[in-house]
Amino acid sequence: MVLLTGSAAVGKSHLAEWLCEDAHELGLVIPLRAKHNRMPTRSEGMVGAVLGYFGIENADRDIIERFLMNIWEVPKNDEDTLYWVAAVAEWLRPTAPGEQVAEGPSGKRFAVNSPQIQRGIVWHKPLLSWLDDLHLTGGK
């Protein structure tokens, strides 16, 4: 773990960006930039970083499931991986309390709210998480 501290506008984010780009160019990691703002949005934190990495920030749950099934090349009869697809889709687009959601393209429904799902997102390289402006989360 690396923690960059210092006054505002001294280049901490530029240094972190360079580190992420360099490690990615060398093929060592998949960098995820988790941005944080004073006014929380759906696209911040680790969920926003994953959505941004895949380029599906505005996608609904069905599209996210289809996308994951496509990039992971999931066969229709692979029950274990289809549960992963449903779990990651739930983490990225959680079901609102009390909302009933029909099964998506994976044919599975999964209730989860855990950042541990991150380990199932990319199987071939470690993730490098850049938590930018983390102090703006207010400890949440």
Protein backbone atom coordinates (compact mmCIF):
# COMPACT_ATOMS: atom_id res chain seq x y z
CA MET A 1 0.00 0.00 0.00
CA VAL A 2 1.27 3.45 -0.92
CA LEU A 3 -0.17 6.56 0.69
CA LEU A 4 0.58 9.91 -0.95
CA THR A 5 0.07 12.88 1.35
CA GLY A 6 0.73 16.57 1.00
CA SER A 7 -0.81 19.95 0.43
CA ALA A 8 -3.36 20.53 -2.28
CA ALA A 9 -2.09 20.93 -5.86
CA VAL A 10 1.43 19.57 -5.28
CA GLY A 11 1.07 16.70 -7.78
CA LYS A 12 -0.12 13.69 -5.76
CA SER A 13 -2.75 12.74 -8.32
CA HIS A 14 -0.31 13.22 -11.21
CA LEU A 15 2.19 10.92 -9.52
CA ALA A 16 -0.50 8.29 -8.87
CA GLU A 17 -1.71 8.58 -12.46
CA TRP A 18 1.83 8.07 -13.77
CA LEU A 19 2.32 5.03 -11.52
CA CYS A 20 -0.96 3.49 -12.73
CA GLU A 21 -0.19 4.18 -16.40
CA ASP A 22 3.35 2.83 -16.12
CA ALA A 23 2.27 -0.37 -14.35
CA HIS A 24 -0.51 -0.86 -16.91
CA GLU A 25 1.83 -0.27 -19.88
CA LEU A 26 4.20 -2.89 -18.47
CA GLY A 27 1.28 -5.32 -18.32
CA LEU A 28 1.58 -5.79 -14.57
CA VAL A 29 -1.85 -4.64 -13.36
CA ILE A 30 -5.25 -3.36 -14.29
CA PRO A 31 -5.55 0.12 -12.78
CA LEU A 32 -8.88 1.32 -11.43
CA ARG A 33 -9.25 4.99 -10.49
CA ALA A 34 -11.87 5.46 -7.81
CA LYS A 35 -12.75 9.16 -7.70
CA HIS A 36 -14.49 10.73 -4.75
CA ASN A 37 -16.38 14.02 -4.62
CA ARG A 38 -17.96 16.20 -1.97
CA MET A 39 -21.38 15.35 -3.44
CA PRO A 40 -21.53 11.54 -3.81
CA THR A 41 -22.60 10.21 -7.19
CA ARG A 42 -23.30 6.79 -8.64
CA SER A 43 -20.05 6.93 -10.61
CA GLU A 44 -17.63 7.36 -7.73
CA GLY A 45 -15.76 4.88 -5.58
CA MET A 46 -14.79 1.37 -6.66
CA VAL A 47 -18.11 0.74 -8.41
CA GLY A 48 -17.57 3.83 -10.55
CA ALA A 49 -13.99 2.76 -11.24
CA VAL A 50 -15.12 -0.65 -12.51
CA LEU A 51 -17.95 0.82 -14.58
CA GLY A 52 -15.49 3.33 -16.06
CA TYR A 53 -12.90 0.65 -16.79
CA PHE A 54 -15.46 -1.33 -18.77
CA GLY A 55 -17.02 1.82 -20.32
CA ILE A 56 -20.52 0.95 -19.09
CA GLU A 57 -21.17 3.85 -16.72
CA ASN A 58 -24.74 4.44 -17.91
CA ALA A 59 -25.72 0.86 -18.69
CA ASP A 60 -28.69 -0.82 -17.03
CA ARG A 61 -28.43 -4.16 -15.28
CA ASP A 62 -29.38 -6.36 -18.27
CA ILE A 63 -26.77 -4.70 -20.46
CA ILE A 64 -24.14 -5.12 -17.74
CA GLU A 65 -24.94 -8.85 -17.50
CA ARG A 66 -24.78 -9.27 -21.30
CA PHE A 67 -21.51 -7.33 -21.40
CA LEU A 68 -19.91 -9.46 -18.66
CA MET A 69 -21.11 -12.69 -20.28
CA ASN A 70 -19.58 -11.53 -23.56
CA ILE A 71 -16.17 -10.39 -22.31
CA TRP A 72 -15.82 -13.41 -20.00
CA GLU A 73 -17.03 -15.70 -22.83
CA VAL A 74 -19.49 -17.45 -20.52
CA PRO A 75 -21.21 -20.53 -21.95
CA LYS A 76 -24.96 -20.76 -21.26
CA ASN A 77 -24.46 -23.96 -19.24
CA ASP A 78 -21.67 -22.63 -16.94
CA GLU A 79 -23.73 -22.21 -13.77
CA ASP A 80 -20.82 -21.10 -11.53
CA THR A 81 -19.70 -18.30 -13.84
CA LEU A 82 -23.29 -17.19 -14.46
CA TYR A 83 -23.63 -16.71 -10.70
CA TRP A 84 -20.47 -14.54 -10.82
CA VAL A 85 -22.02 -12.51 -13.63
CA ALA A 86 -25.19 -11.96 -11.59
CA ALA A 87 -23.18 -11.13 -8.46
CA VAL A 88 -21.01 -8.55 -10.21
CA ALA A 89 -24.06 -7.03 -11.93
CA GLU A 90 -25.79 -6.74 -8.54
CA TRP A 91 -22.70 -5.08 -7.07
CA LEU A 92 -22.48 -2.62 -9.98
CA ARG A 93 -26.26 -1.94 -10.20
CA PRO A 94 -27.77 -2.95 -6.85
CA THR A 95 -31.45 -3.69 -6.60
CA ALA A 96 -33.30 -0.99 -4.69
CA PRO A 97 -34.85 -2.11 -1.38
CA GLY A 98 -38.26 -3.64 -1.98
CA GLU A 99 -37.81 -3.72 -5.76
CA GLN A 100 -38.59 -6.96 -7.58
CA VAL A 101 -36.25 -7.57 -10.49
CA ALA A 102 -36.77 -10.25 -13.12
CA GLU A 103 -33.91 -12.53 -14.00
CA GLY A 104 -31.51 -10.99 -16.45
CA PRO A 105 -29.61 -12.58 -19.33
CA SER A 106 -27.56 -14.73 -16.93
CA GLY A 107 -30.77 -16.37 -15.68
CA LYS A 108 -29.58 -15.80 -12.11
CA ARG A 109 -30.40 -13.36 -9.33
CA PHE A 110 -27.88 -12.61 -6.67
CA ALA A 111 -28.02 -10.30 -3.66
CA VAL A 112 -24.64 -8.88 -2.71
CA ASN A 113 -23.14 -5.64 -1.54
CA SER A 114 -19.49 -6.43 -1.03
CA PRO A 115 -16.32 -5.02 -2.55
CA GLN A 116 -14.89 -8.57 -2.39
CA ILE A 117 -16.59 -9.14 -5.74
CA GLN A 118 -13.70 -7.13 -7.24
CA ARG A 119 -11.51 -10.22 -7.22
CA GLY A 120 -13.85 -11.91 -9.69
CA ILE A 121 -13.82 -9.04 -12.16
CA VAL A 122 -10.40 -9.68 -13.66
CA TRP A 123 -8.95 -13.16 -13.46
CA HIS A 124 -5.68 -12.74 -15.29
CA LYS A 125 -4.03 -9.71 -13.62
CA PRO A 126 -4.02 -8.04 -10.21
CA LEU A 127 -5.98 -4.84 -9.70
CA LEU A 128 -4.29 -1.58 -8.75
CA SER A 129 -6.80 0.61 -6.94
CA TRP A 130 -6.17 4.35 -7.00
CA LEU A 131 -8.44 6.00 -4.43
CA ASP A 132 -8.38 9.66 -5.46
CA ASP A 133 -9.61 12.33 -3.01
CA LEU A 134 -10.59 9.66 -0.50
CA HIS A 135 -10.81 12.28 2.25
CA LEU A 136 -13.98 13.61 0.58
CA THR A 137 -15.92 10.46 1.49
CA GLY A 138 -16.31 11.59 5.10
CA GLY A 139 -15.18 8.18 6.35
CA LYS A 140 -17.93 6.22 4.54
